[in-house]
Amino acid sequence: MELYLDSADLKEIKEAFQLGFLTGLTTTPTFMHREGIRDLDATIVELSKIVPVLQIEALGETAADIVADAERQLALGLDPKRTVFKIPVSLEGVKACRTLVDKGLKVNVHLVYTIQQAYMAAVAGATYICVLAGRMQDQGYDALTLIGDVVELVEAYGFDSKVMFSSVRNTEHVRNAIDLGCHTITVPWKLMKALTENNFTAIGTNQFIEHTRLITVTVGQAINTINPTVTTDISLTEAIVKMTEYGFGCVTVVDEAGNLKGVFTDGDLRRKLADGGRDVLSKKMGDFEYGTPISIESTQLLDAAAALFKKTSVDTILVTENGKPVGMLDIQDLKND
């Protein structure tokens, strides 16, 4: 099934055609008016240089007027092999369709609301027969049954016309077009971007990314560039200020030579205040006793760190290089931001 973009927004048109596989663009004077376009011809020429196939309106009260409008637009420099003229279905419209097809041009007979209209378009040699599903449904018509009937008509009688599903209002319409065996569909960019979205796909993709990160990235590559370290000669009050500045729930305590003494956490702070009151704030960091901190070497993979987080139920692990503290690994660092 061919996939067209339905738009007159130049920015989204350029973005959409970077996909590299869209068949072309359908647009209308209504779309262009909505976008505030004033020079219709100049816009058509610009679009023709961007998209592989451009479908544009050819209008007139008589078949001769419609043909003349198509020829006038071609004279702007459009490539007849990459241009499709959209003509509203009518007796004069299908007459103009036949004339343009005989000249080797492509025609989309649209605004089709009945199987009889579709039949006349097919007999007239329309390249596309376009049913506006959303617009029909808005008016209480059974658009899906009609589209299915038009597909059956074209295939049963061997017409060369392609049935186009247009006026797409939701992603379910795309499913409908596929189920009905439509030959082509034209979709607004907002909905086209949603066609590859699915919650289970997103969950699976995130799992693959996360697990790949765990077995390819080292702890040293993942840690924050900030190394929350204080020396033993500063007071607990100063250390609290440093913890706040660092934005960590702990700091590494080292002596003047940079040798590890331990790790002081916000939990330790609460316990010290409960035991010693406010007087403990004036003590030096070297006055406290420290247990062996939970640590990991920077060369270890994140997978090893994940196992350590799970085993110890902590949120932050000290990272070392040859026993020297170089930073802290937060449990959130396991995820790729």
C-alpha atoms as a PDB file:
ATOM      1  CA  MET A   1       0.000   0.000   0.000  1.00  0.00           C
ATOM      2  CA  GLU A   2       1.423   3.365  -1.038  1.00  0.00           C
ATOM      3  CA  LEU A   3       1.895   5.858   1.788  1.00  0.00           C
ATOM      4  CA  TYR A   4       1.277   9.546   1.120  1.00  0.00           C
ATOM      5  CA  LEU A   5       1.614  12.484   3.487  1.00  0.00           C
ATOM      6  CA  ASP A   6      -1.451  14.729   3.710  1.00  0.00           C
ATOM      7  CA  SER A   7      -0.272  18.251   4.527  1.00  0.00           C
ATOM      8  CA  ALA A   8       0.510  21.812   3.473  1.00  0.00           C
ATOM      9  CA  ASP A   9       2.864  22.595   6.375  1.00  0.00           C
ATOM     10  CA  LEU A  10       6.270  23.098   4.770  1.00  0.00           C
ATOM     11  CA  LYS A  11       8.187  22.335   7.968  1.00  0.00           C
ATOM     12  CA  GLU A  12       6.502  19.009   8.613  1.00  0.00           C
ATOM     13  CA  ILE A  13       6.641  18.101   4.917  1.00  0.00           C
ATOM     14  CA  LYS A  14      10.427  18.469   4.916  1.00  0.00           C
ATOM     15  CA  GLU A  15      10.653  16.470   8.145  1.00  0.00           C
ATOM     16  CA  ALA A  16       8.370  13.693   6.910  1.00  0.00           C
ATOM     17  CA  PHE A  17      10.173  13.145   3.616  1.00  0.00           C
ATOM     18  CA  GLN A  18      13.422  12.552   5.453  1.00  0.00           C
ATOM     19  CA  LEU A  19      11.934   9.102   6.155  1.00  0.00           C
ATOM     20  CA  GLY A  20      12.923   8.224   2.613  1.00  0.00           C
ATOM     21  CA  PHE A  21      10.034   5.917   1.725  1.00  0.00           C
ATOM     22  CA  LEU A  22       6.906   8.053   1.318  1.00  0.00           C
ATOM     23  CA  THR A  23       5.292   7.802  -2.110  1.00  0.00           C
ATOM     24  CA  GLY A  24       4.347  11.454  -2.236  1.00  0.00           C
ATOM     25  CA  LEU A  25       2.283  14.351  -0.909  1.00  0.00           C
ATOM     26  CA  THR A  26      -1.416  15.147  -1.141  1.00  0.00           C
ATOM     27  CA  THR A  27      -2.502  18.687  -0.437  1.00  0.00           C
ATOM     28  CA  THR A  28      -5.548  20.900  -0.889  1.00  0.00           C
ATOM     29  CA  PRO A  29      -6.360  24.613  -1.218  1.00  0.00           C
ATOM     30  CA  THR A  30      -8.092  24.277   2.166  1.00  0.00           C
ATOM     31  CA  PHE A  31      -4.850  23.092   3.800  1.00  0.00           C
ATOM     32  CA  MET A  32      -2.909  25.921   2.193  1.00  0.00           C
ATOM     33  CA  HIS A  33      -5.451  28.520   3.290  1.00  0.00           C
ATOM     34  CA  ARG A  34      -5.227  27.133   6.824  1.00  0.00           C
ATOM     35  CA  GLU A  35      -1.436  27.552   6.720  1.00  0.00           C
ATOM     36  CA  GLY A  36      -1.790  31.175   5.636  1.00  0.00           C
ATOM     37  CA  ILE A  37      -0.346  30.595   2.155  1.00  0.00           C
ATOM     38  CA  ARG A  38      -1.051  33.454  -0.241  1.00  0.00           C
ATOM     39  CA  ASP A  39       0.938  32.508  -3.343  1.00  0.00           C
ATOM     40  CA  LEU A  40      -0.567  29.162  -4.301  1.00  0.00           C
ATOM     41  CA  ASP A  41       1.433  28.675  -7.506  1.00  0.00           C
ATOM     42  CA  ALA A  42       4.784  29.453  -5.866  1.00  0.00           C
ATOM     43  CA  THR A  43       4.019  26.999  -3.064  1.00  0.00           C
ATOM     44  CA  ILE A  44       3.100  24.256  -5.548  1.00  0.00           C
ATOM     45  CA  VAL A  45       6.376  24.740  -7.395  1.00  0.00           C
ATOM     46  CA  GLU A  46       8.333  24.643  -4.121  1.00  0.00           C
ATOM     47  CA  LEU A  47       6.593  21.455  -3.008  1.00  0.00           C
ATOM     48  CA  SER A  48       7.206  19.775  -6.354  1.00  0.00           C
ATOM     49  CA  LYS A  49      10.940  20.117  -5.744  1.00  0.00           C
ATOM     50  CA  ILE A  50      10.721  18.454  -2.330  1.00  0.00           C
ATOM     51  CA  VAL A  51       8.465  15.428  -2.818  1.00  0.00           C
ATOM     52  CA  PRO A  52       8.633  12.443  -5.215  1.00  0.00           C
ATOM     53  CA  VAL A  53       4.995  12.780  -6.299  1.00  0.00           C
ATOM     54  CA  LEU A  54       2.769  15.809  -5.781  1.00  0.00           C
ATOM     55  CA  GLN A  55      -1.021  15.572  -5.841  1.00  0.00           C
ATOM     56  CA  ILE A  56      -2.690  18.972  -6.379  1.00  0.00           C
ATOM     57  CA  GLU A  57      -6.143  20.251  -7.204  1.00  0.00           C
ATOM     58  CA  ALA A  58      -7.302  21.025 -10.768  1.00  0.00           C
ATOM     59  CA  LEU A  59     -10.577  22.953 -10.640  1.00  0.00           C
ATOM     60  CA  GLY A  60     -13.138  24.376 -13.008  1.00  0.00           C
ATOM     61  CA  GLU A  61     -16.839  24.423 -13.798  1.00  0.00           C
ATOM     62  CA  THR A  62     -16.415  22.528 -17.074  1.00  0.00           C
ATOM     63  CA  ALA A  63     -14.132  19.762 -18.248  1.00  0.00           C
ATOM     64  CA  ALA A  64     -12.347  22.284 -20.466  1.00  0.00           C
ATOM     65  CA  ASP A  65     -11.785  24.571 -17.467  1.00  0.00           C
ATOM     66  CA  ILE A  66     -10.372  21.707 -15.391  1.00  0.00           C
ATOM     67  CA  VAL A  67      -8.022  20.610 -18.174  1.00  0.00           C
ATOM     68  CA  ALA A  68      -6.920  24.203 -18.703  1.00  0.00           C
ATOM     69  CA  ASP A  69      -6.164  24.587 -14.967  1.00  0.00           C
ATOM     70  CA  ALA A  70      -4.074  21.409 -15.008  1.00  0.00           C
ATOM     71  CA  GLU A  71      -2.145  22.571 -18.089  1.00  0.00           C
ATOM     72  CA  ARG A  72      -1.601  25.998 -16.533  1.00  0.00           C
ATOM     73  CA  GLN A  73      -0.041  24.401 -13.451  1.00  0.00           C
ATOM     74  CA  LEU A  74       2.136  22.131 -15.566  1.00  0.00           C
ATOM     75  CA  ALA A  75       3.418  25.231 -17.335  1.00  0.00           C
ATOM     76  CA  LEU A  76       4.793  26.417 -13.979  1.00  0.00           C
ATOM     77  CA  GLY A  77       7.487  23.810 -14.448  1.00  0.00           C
ATOM     78  CA  LEU A  78       5.917  20.743 -12.852  1.00  0.00           C
ATOM     79  CA  ASP A  79       7.081  17.308 -13.972  1.00  0.00           C
ATOM     80  CA  PRO A  80       4.052  15.527 -15.528  1.00  0.00           C
ATOM     81  CA  LYS A  81       5.477  12.168 -14.466  1.00  0.00           C
ATOM     82  CA  ARG A  82       5.541  13.257 -10.824  1.00  0.00           C
ATOM     83  CA  THR A  83       2.286  15.228 -10.706  1.00  0.00           C
ATOM     84  CA  VAL A  84      -1.223  13.938 -10.023  1.00  0.00           C
ATOM     85  CA  PHE A  85      -4.209  16.222 -10.591  1.00  0.00           C
ATOM     86  CA  LYS A  86      -7.018  15.878  -8.066  1.00  0.00           C
ATOM     87  CA  ILE A  87     -10.476  16.399  -9.537  1.00  0.00           C
ATOM     88  CA  PRO A  88     -13.755  16.294  -7.554  1.00  0.00           C
ATOM     89  CA  VAL A  89     -16.056  13.683  -9.021  1.00  0.00           C
ATOM     90  CA  SER A  90     -18.792  15.011 -11.335  1.00  0.00           C
ATOM     91  CA  LEU A  91     -19.846  14.472 -14.929  1.00  0.00           C
ATOM     92  CA  GLU A  92     -17.533  17.264 -16.055  1.00  0.00           C
ATOM     93  CA  GLY A  93     -14.876  15.967 -13.690  1.00  0.00           C
ATOM     94  CA  VAL A  94     -14.751  12.440 -15.123  1.00  0.00           C
ATOM     95  CA  LYS A  95     -14.808  13.923 -18.613  1.00  0.00           C
ATOM     96  CA  ALA A  96     -11.757  16.007 -17.738  1.00  0.00           C
ATOM     97  CA  CYS A  97     -10.176  12.920 -16.163  1.00  0.00           C
ATOM     98  CA  ARG A  98     -10.436  11.013 -19.436  1.00  0.00           C
ATOM     99  CA  THR A  99      -8.954  13.919 -21.384  1.00  0.00           C
ATOM    100  CA  LEU A 100      -5.981  14.275 -19.035  1.00  0.00           C
ATOM    101  CA  VAL A 101      -5.366  10.521 -18.925  1.00  0.00           C
ATOM    102  CA  ASP A 102      -5.365  10.433 -22.729  1.00  0.00           C
ATOM    103  CA  LYS A 103      -2.658  13.112 -22.592  1.00  0.00           C
ATOM    104  CA  GLY A 104      -0.544  10.788 -20.437  1.00  0.00           C
ATOM    105  CA  LEU A 105      -1.265  12.585 -17.171  1.00  0.00           C
ATOM    106  CA  LYS A 106      -2.258  11.136 -13.792  1.00  0.00           C
ATOM    107  CA  VAL A 107      -5.583  11.937 -12.145  1.00  0.00           C
ATOM    108  CA  ASN A 108      -7.043  11.414  -8.678  1.00  0.00           C
ATOM    109  CA  VAL A 109     -10.849  11.535  -8.773  1.00  0.00           C
ATOM    110  CA  HIS A 110     -11.822  12.364  -5.200  1.00  0.00           C
ATOM    111  CA  LEU A 111     -14.730  13.349  -2.944  1.00  0.00           C
ATOM    112  CA  VAL A 112     -16.235   9.971  -3.868  1.00  0.00           C
ATOM    113  CA  TYR A 113     -19.289   9.122  -1.756  1.00  0.00           C
ATOM    114  CA  THR A 114     -20.982   6.330  -3.726  1.00  0.00           C
ATOM    115  CA  ILE A 115     -20.030   3.178  -5.588  1.00  0.00           C
ATOM    116  CA  GLN A 116     -21.577   4.689  -8.714  1.00  0.00           C
ATOM    117  CA  GLN A 117     -19.204   7.642  -8.535  1.00  0.00           C
ATOM    118  CA  ALA A 118     -16.297   5.249  -8.048  1.00  0.00           C
ATOM    119  CA  TYR A 119     -17.391   3.236 -11.085  1.00  0.00           C
ATOM    120  CA  MET A 120     -17.509   6.358 -13.295  1.00  0.00           C
ATOM    121  CA  ALA A 121     -14.035   7.371 -12.099  1.00  0.00           C
ATOM    122  CA  ALA A 122     -12.660   3.909 -12.861  1.00  0.00           C
ATOM    123  CA  VAL A 123     -14.198   3.801 -16.336  1.00  0.00           C
ATOM    124  CA  ALA A 124     -12.768   7.274 -17.003  1.00  0.00           C
ATOM    125  CA  GLY A 125      -9.310   5.885 -16.300  1.00  0.00           C
ATOM    126  CA  ALA A 126      -8.611   7.574 -12.952  1.00  0.00           C
ATOM    127  CA  THR A 127      -5.182   6.764 -11.584  1.00  0.00           C
ATOM    128  CA  TYR A 128      -6.604   7.080  -8.061  1.00  0.00           C
ATOM    129  CA  ILE A 129     -10.156   6.860  -6.699  1.00  0.00           C
ATOM    130  CA  CYS A 130     -10.235   8.690  -3.399  1.00  0.00           C
ATOM    131  CA  VAL A 131     -12.800   8.163  -0.642  1.00  0.00           C
ATOM    132  CA  LEU A 132     -12.696  10.602   2.291  1.00  0.00           C
ATOM    133  CA  ALA A 133     -13.350   8.197   5.150  1.00  0.00           C
ATOM    134  CA  GLY A 134     -13.290  10.597   8.087  1.00  0.00           C
ATOM    135  CA  ARG A 135     -15.411  13.206   6.359  1.00  0.00           C
ATOM    136  CA  MET A 136     -17.971  10.575   5.345  1.00  0.00           C
ATOM    137  CA  GLN A 137     -18.156   9.192   8.871  1.00  0.00           C
ATOM    138  CA  ASP A 138     -18.643  12.706  10.234  1.00  0.00           C
ATOM    139  CA  GLN A 139     -21.746  12.925   8.059  1.00  0.00           C
ATOM    140  CA  GLY A 140     -23.094   9.563   9.176  1.00  0.00           C
ATOM    141  CA  TYR A 141     -22.094   7.476   6.149  1.00  0.00           C
ATOM    142  CA  ASP A 142     -20.597   3.969   6.291  1.00  0.00           C
ATOM    143  CA  ALA A 143     -17.273   4.895   4.729  1.00  0.00           C
ATOM    144  CA  LEU A 144     -15.534   1.588   5.416  1.00  0.00           C
ATOM    145  CA  THR A 145     -18.155  -0.464   3.610  1.00  0.00           C
ATOM    146  CA  LEU A 146     -17.950   1.877   0.627  1.00  0.00           C
ATOM    147  CA  ILE A 147     -14.160   1.692   0.493  1.00  0.00           C
ATOM    148  CA  GLY A 148     -14.304  -2.097   0.638  1.00  0.00           C
ATOM    149  CA  ASP A 149     -16.847  -2.087  -2.177  1.00  0.00           C
ATOM    150  CA  VAL A 150     -14.654   0.196  -4.306  1.00  0.00           C
ATOM    151  CA  VAL A 151     -11.636  -2.070  -3.803  1.00  0.00           C
ATOM    152  CA  GLU A 152     -13.777  -5.053  -4.841  1.00  0.00           C
ATOM    153  CA  LEU A 153     -15.083  -3.123  -7.877  1.00  0.00           C
ATOM    154  CA  VAL A 154     -11.590  -2.272  -9.119  1.00  0.00           C
ATOM    155  CA  GLU A 155     -10.273  -5.789  -8.630  1.00  0.00           C
ATOM    156  CA  ALA A 156     -13.376  -7.597  -9.976  1.00  0.00           C
ATOM    157  CA  TYR A 157     -13.397  -5.674 -13.254  1.00  0.00           C
ATOM    158  CA  GLY A 158      -9.646  -5.298 -13.672  1.00  0.00           C
ATOM    159  CA  PHE A 159      -9.528  -1.507 -13.605  1.00  0.00           C
ATOM    160  CA  ASP A 160      -6.072   0.070 -13.319  1.00  0.00           C
ATOM    161  CA  SER A 161      -7.250   2.587 -10.706  1.00  0.00           C
ATOM    162  CA  LYS A 162      -5.829   2.583  -7.179  1.00  0.00           C
ATOM    163  CA  VAL A 163      -8.215   3.061  -4.281  1.00  0.00           C
ATOM    164  CA  MET A 164      -7.022   5.806  -1.921  1.00  0.00           C
ATOM    165  CA  PHE A 165      -8.104   5.942   1.728  1.00  0.00           C
ATOM    166  CA  SER A 166      -8.071   9.606   2.766  1.00  0.00           C
ATOM    167  CA  SER A 167      -9.392  11.930   5.498  1.00  0.00           C
ATOM    168  CA  VAL A 168      -7.555   9.791   8.052  1.00  0.00           C
ATOM    169  CA  ARG A 169      -8.586  10.817  11.567  1.00  0.00           C
ATOM    170  CA  ASN A 170      -6.870   8.192  13.719  1.00  0.00           C
ATOM    171  CA  THR A 171      -4.387   5.337  13.556  1.00  0.00           C
ATOM    172  CA  GLU A 172      -7.242   2.803  13.450  1.00  0.00           C
ATOM    173  CA  HIS A 173      -8.102   4.210  10.016  1.00  0.00           C
ATOM    174  CA  VAL A 174      -4.721   2.991   8.801  1.00  0.00           C
ATOM    175  CA  ARG A 175      -5.564  -0.477  10.125  1.00  0.00           C
ATOM    176  CA  ASN A 176      -8.904  -0.233   8.313  1.00  0.00           C
ATOM    177  CA  ALA A 177      -7.164   0.635   5.038  1.00  0.00           C
ATOM    178  CA  ILE A 178      -4.844  -2.341   5.377  1.00  0.00           C
ATOM    179  CA  ASP A 179      -7.711  -4.712   6.215  1.00  0.00           C
ATOM    180  CA  LEU A 180      -9.741  -3.451   3.249  1.00  0.00           C
ATOM    181  CA  GLY A 181      -6.860  -3.968   0.829  1.00  0.00           C
ATOM    182  CA  CYS A 182      -6.565  -0.308  -0.213  1.00  0.00           C
ATOM    183  CA  HIS A 183      -3.849   0.433  -2.732  1.00  0.00           C
ATOM    184  CA  THR A 184      -2.831   3.742  -1.172  1.00  0.00           C
ATOM    185  CA  ILE A 185      -3.481   5.936   1.862  1.00  0.00           C
ATOM    186  CA  THR A 186      -2.716   9.540   2.714  1.00  0.00           C
ATOM    187  CA  VAL A 187      -2.016  10.317   6.376  1.00  0.00           C
ATOM    188  CA  PRO A 188      -1.413  13.534   8.381  1.00  0.00           C
ATOM    189  CA  TRP A 189       2.077  13.799   9.871  1.00  0.00           C
ATOM    190  CA  LYS A 190       0.811  13.797  13.481  1.00  0.00           C
ATOM    191  CA  LEU A 191      -0.806  10.399  12.944  1.00  0.00           C
ATOM    192  CA  MET A 192       2.004   9.049  10.777  1.00  0.00           C
ATOM    193  CA  LYS A 193       4.467   9.634  13.610  1.00  0.00           C
ATOM    194  CA  ALA A 194       2.244   7.558  15.896  1.00  0.00           C
ATOM    195  CA  LEU A 195       2.110   4.510  13.613  1.00  0.00           C
ATOM    196  CA  THR A 196       5.289   2.969  15.049  1.00  0.00           C
ATOM    197  CA  GLU A 197       4.379   3.704  18.677  1.00  0.00           C
ATOM    198  CA  ASN A 198       3.423   0.918  21.068  1.00  0.00           C
ATOM    199  CA  ASN A 199       3.886   0.707  24.824  1.00  0.00           C
ATOM    200  CA  PHE A 200       5.169  -2.883  24.758  1.00  0.00           C
ATOM    201  CA  THR A 201       7.656  -1.985  22.018  1.00  0.00           C
ATOM    202  CA  ALA A 202       8.906   0.938  24.114  1.00  0.00           C
ATOM    203  CA  ILE A 203       9.285  -1.280  27.193  1.00  0.00           C
ATOM    204  CA  GLY A 204      11.191  -3.928  25.233  1.00  0.00           C
ATOM    205  CA  THR A 205      13.448  -1.358  23.583  1.00  0.00           C
ATOM    206  CA  ASN A 206      14.284   0.244  26.930  1.00  0.00           C
ATOM    207  CA  GLN A 207      15.105  -3.177  28.373  1.00  0.00           C
ATOM    208  CA  PHE A 208      17.480  -3.926  25.501  1.00  0.00           C
ATOM    209  CA  ILE A 209      19.193  -0.548  25.948  1.00  0.00           C
ATOM    210  CA  GLU A 210      19.454  -0.978  29.706  1.00  0.00           C
ATOM    211  CA  HIS A 211      20.844  -4.523  29.522  1.00  0.00           C
ATOM    212  CA  THR A 212      23.306  -3.590  26.786  1.00  0.00           C
ATOM    213  CA  ARG A 213      24.531  -0.730  28.972  1.00  0.00           C
ATOM    214  CA  LEU A 214      24.986  -3.065  31.948  1.00  0.00           C
ATOM    215  CA  ILE A 215      27.321  -5.387  30.033  1.00  0.00           C
ATOM    216  CA  THR A 216      29.261  -2.824  27.977  1.00  0.00           C
ATOM    217  CA  VAL A 217      29.743   0.239  30.192  1.00  0.00           C
ATOM    218  CA  THR A 218      32.181   0.322  33.119  1.00  0.00           C
ATOM    219  CA  VAL A 219      31.483   1.895  36.470  1.00  0.00           C
ATOM    220  CA  GLY A 220      34.146   4.513  35.790  1.00  0.00           C
ATOM    221  CA  GLN A 221      32.381   5.556  32.576  1.00  0.00           C
ATOM    222  CA  ALA A 222      29.029   5.882  34.322  1.00  0.00           C
ATOM    223  CA  ILE A 223      29.862   7.813  37.476  1.00  0.00           C
ATOM    224  CA  ASN A 224      29.124  11.476  37.861  1.00  0.00           C
ATOM    225  CA  THR A 225      32.074  13.754  37.202  1.00  0.00           C
ATOM    226  CA  ILE A 226      31.541  15.219  40.686  1.00  0.00           C
ATOM    227  CA  ASN A 227      33.620  13.438  43.338  1.00  0.00           C
ATOM    228  CA  PRO A 228      31.961  14.164  46.724  1.00  0.00           C
ATOM    229  CA  THR A 229      35.048  14.095  48.971  1.00  0.00           C
ATOM    230  CA  VAL A 230      35.940  15.851  52.243  1.00  0.00           C
ATOM    231  CA  THR A 231      39.060  15.672  54.388  1.00  0.00           C
ATOM    232  CA  THR A 232      39.288  14.537  58.010  1.00  0.00           C
ATOM    233  CA  ASP A 233      40.243  18.012  59.301  1.00  0.00           C
ATOM    234  CA  ILE A 234      36.948  19.744  58.481  1.00  0.00           C
ATOM    235  CA  SER A 235      33.965  19.930  60.832  1.00  0.00           C
ATOM    236  CA  LEU A 236      30.766  17.965  60.456  1.00  0.00           C
ATOM    237  CA  THR A 237      28.970  21.247  59.756  1.00  0.00           C
ATOM    238  CA  GLU A 238      31.286  21.930  56.817  1.00  0.00           C
ATOM    239  CA  ALA A 239      30.795  18.373  55.608  1.00  0.00           C
ATOM    240  CA  ILE A 240      27.003  18.844  55.654  1.00  0.00           C
ATOM    241  CA  VAL A 241      27.405  21.958  53.524  1.00  0.00           C
ATOM    242  CA  LYS A 242      29.566  19.983  51.097  1.00  0.00           C
ATOM    243  CA  MET A 243      26.988  17.177  50.923  1.00  0.00           C
ATOM    244  CA  THR A 244      24.354  19.755  50.032  1.00  0.00           C
ATOM    245  CA  GLU A 245      26.594  21.341  47.394  1.00  0.00           C
ATOM    246  CA  TYR A 246      27.438  17.978  45.874  1.00  0.00           C
ATOM    247  CA  GLY A 247      23.786  16.929  45.827  1.00  0.00           C
ATOM    248  CA  PHE A 248      24.668  13.487  47.201  1.00  0.00           C
ATOM    249  CA  GLY A 249      23.352  11.724  50.288  1.00  0.00           C
ATOM    250  CA  CYS A 250      26.909  10.962  51.351  1.00  0.00           C
ATOM    251  CA  VAL A 251      30.533  12.078  51.136  1.00  0.00           C
ATOM    252  CA  THR A 252      33.823  10.202  51.021  1.00  0.00           C
ATOM    253  CA  VAL A 253      36.181  11.028  53.869  1.00  0.00           C
ATOM    254  CA  VAL A 254      39.934  10.975  53.151  1.00  0.00           C
ATOM    255  CA  ASP A 255      43.044  12.011  55.076  1.00  0.00           C
ATOM    256  CA  GLU A 256      45.482  14.694  53.914  1.00  0.00           C
ATOM    257  CA  ALA A 257      47.308  12.130  51.758  1.00  0.00           C
ATOM    258  CA  GLY A 258      44.073  11.182  49.995  1.00  0.00           C
ATOM    259  CA  ASN A 259      43.819   7.809  51.696  1.00  0.00           C
ATOM    260  CA  LEU A 260      40.306   6.525  52.275  1.00  0.00           C
ATOM    261  CA  LYS A 261      38.985   6.761  55.833  1.00  0.00           C
ATOM    262  CA  GLY A 262      35.350   5.941  55.142  1.00  0.00           C
ATOM    263  CA  VAL A 263      32.011   7.161  53.881  1.00  0.00           C
ATOM    264  CA  PHE A 264      29.699   9.454  55.822  1.00  0.00           C
ATOM    265  CA  THR A 265      26.008   9.266  54.898  1.00  0.00           C
ATOM    266  CA  ASP A 266      22.896  11.284  55.701  1.00  0.00           C
ATOM    267  CA  GLY A 267      21.835   8.270  57.783  1.00  0.00           C
ATOM    268  CA  ASP A 268      25.031   8.614  59.820  1.00  0.00           C
ATOM    269  CA  LEU A 269      24.193  12.294  60.321  1.00  0.00           C
ATOM    270  CA  ARG A 270      20.772  11.503  61.772  1.00  0.00           C
ATOM    271  CA  ARG A 271      22.247   8.905  64.104  1.00  0.00           C
ATOM    272  CA  LYS A 272      25.020  11.243  65.319  1.00  0.00           C
ATOM    273  CA  LEU A 273      22.539  14.025  66.041  1.00  0.00           C
ATOM    274  CA  ALA A 274      20.253  11.599  67.901  1.00  0.00           C
ATOM    275  CA  ASP A 275      23.143  10.344  70.055  1.00  0.00           C
ATOM    276  CA  GLY A 276      25.159  13.528  70.641  1.00  0.00           C
ATOM    277  CA  GLY A 277      22.824  16.408  69.949  1.00  0.00           C
ATOM    278  CA  ARG A 278      23.902  19.636  68.258  1.00  0.00           C
ATOM    279  CA  ASP A 279      27.349  19.522  69.884  1.00  0.00           C
ATOM    280  CA  VAL A 280      28.349  16.828  67.403  1.00  0.00           C
ATOM    281  CA  LEU A 281      28.237  19.420  64.591  1.00  0.00           C
ATOM    282  CA  SER A 282      31.523  20.962  65.789  1.00  0.00           C
ATOM    283  CA  LYS A 283      33.431  17.678  65.694  1.00  0.00           C
ATOM    284  CA  LYS A 284      35.973  16.978  62.977  1.00  0.00           C
ATOM    285  CA  MET A 285      35.301  14.305  60.393  1.00  0.00           C
ATOM    286  CA  GLY A 286      38.432  12.546  61.630  1.00  0.00           C
ATOM    287  CA  ASP A 287      36.858  12.164  65.084  1.00  0.00           C
ATOM    288  CA  PHE A 288      34.392   9.582  63.878  1.00  0.00           C
ATOM    289  CA  GLU A 289      34.900   5.878  63.398  1.00  0.00           C
ATOM    290  CA  TYR A 290      34.058   4.440  59.971  1.00  0.00           C
ATOM    291  CA  GLY A 291      33.251   0.951  58.880  1.00  0.00           C
ATOM    292  CA  THR A 292      34.415  -0.576  55.629  1.00  0.00           C
ATOM    293  CA  PRO A 293      32.421   1.178  52.903  1.00  0.00           C
ATOM    294  CA  ILE A 294      30.586  -0.676  50.163  1.00  0.00           C
ATOM    295  CA  SER A 295      32.768  -0.052  47.140  1.00  0.00           C
ATOM    296  CA  ILE A 296      33.513  -1.192  43.615  1.00  0.00           C
ATOM    297  CA  GLU A 297      36.467  -0.723  41.287  1.00  0.00           C
ATOM    298  CA  SER A 298      35.929   1.674  38.396  1.00  0.00           C
ATOM    299  CA  THR A 299      36.968  -0.988  35.870  1.00  0.00           C
ATOM    300  CA  GLN A 300      34.052  -3.247  36.802  1.00  0.00           C
ATOM    301  CA  LEU A 301      31.034  -3.401  34.475  1.00  0.00           C
ATOM    302  CA  LEU A 302      27.741  -1.858  35.536  1.00  0.00           C
ATOM    303  CA  ASP A 303      26.313  -5.365  35.692  1.00  0.00           C
ATOM    304  CA  ALA A 304      28.547  -6.053  38.708  1.00  0.00           C
ATOM    305  CA  ALA A 305      27.432  -2.781  40.285  1.00  0.00           C
ATOM    306  CA  ALA A 306      23.761  -3.713  39.738  1.00  0.00           C
ATOM    307  CA  ALA A 307      24.351  -6.999  41.559  1.00  0.00           C
ATOM    308  CA  LEU A 308      26.035  -5.127  44.428  1.00  0.00           C
ATOM    309  CA  PHE A 309      23.148  -2.657  44.701  1.00  0.00           C
ATOM    310  CA  LYS A 310      20.716  -5.560  44.874  1.00  0.00           C
ATOM    311  CA  LYS A 311      22.794  -7.450  47.460  1.00  0.00           C
ATOM    312  CA  THR A 312      23.364  -4.499  49.802  1.00  0.00           C
ATOM    313  CA  SER A 313      20.096  -2.525  49.263  1.00  0.00           C
ATOM    314  CA  VAL A 314      22.015   0.780  49.223  1.00  0.00           C
ATOM    315  CA  ASP A 315      21.461   3.677  46.821  1.00  0.00           C
ATOM    316  CA  THR A 316      25.064   4.838  46.474  1.00  0.00           C
ATOM    317  CA  ILE A 317      28.340   2.909  46.158  1.00  0.00           C
ATOM    318  CA  LEU A 318      31.882   4.214  46.545  1.00  0.00           C
ATOM    319  CA  VAL A 319      33.943   3.900  43.369  1.00  0.00           C
ATOM    320  CA  THR A 320      37.697   3.306  43.651  1.00  0.00           C
ATOM    321  CA  GLU A 321      40.744   2.988  41.444  1.00  0.00           C
ATOM    322  CA  ASN A 322      43.428   0.818  43.006  1.00  0.00           C
ATOM    323  CA  GLY A 323      41.819   1.456  46.363  1.00  0.00           C
ATOM    324  CA  LYS A 324      41.702   5.245  45.985  1.00  0.00           C
ATOM    325  CA  PRO A 325      38.231   6.889  45.985  1.00  0.00           C
ATOM    326  CA  VAL A 326      37.368   8.511  42.630  1.00  0.00           C
ATOM    327  CA  GLY A 327      33.629   9.079  42.931  1.00  0.00           C
ATOM    328  CA  MET A 328      30.221   7.749  43.820  1.00  0.00           C
ATOM    329  CA  LEU A 329      27.889   5.580  41.749  1.00  0.00           C
ATOM    330  CA  ASP A 330      24.220   6.291  42.336  1.00  0.00           C
ATOM    331  CA  ILE A 331      21.683   3.584  41.526  1.00  0.00           C
ATOM    332  CA  GLN A 332      20.163   5.946  38.956  1.00  0.00           C
ATOM    333  CA  ASP A 333      23.491   5.920  37.090  1.00  0.00           C
ATOM    334  CA  LEU A 334      22.718   2.384  35.959  1.00  0.00           C
ATOM    335  CA  LYS A 335      20.185   3.836  33.544  1.00  0.00           C
ATOM    336  CA  ASN A 336      21.141   5.659  30.361  1.00  0.00           C
ATOM    337  CA  ASP A 337      19.763   9.219  30.604  1.00  0.00           C
END
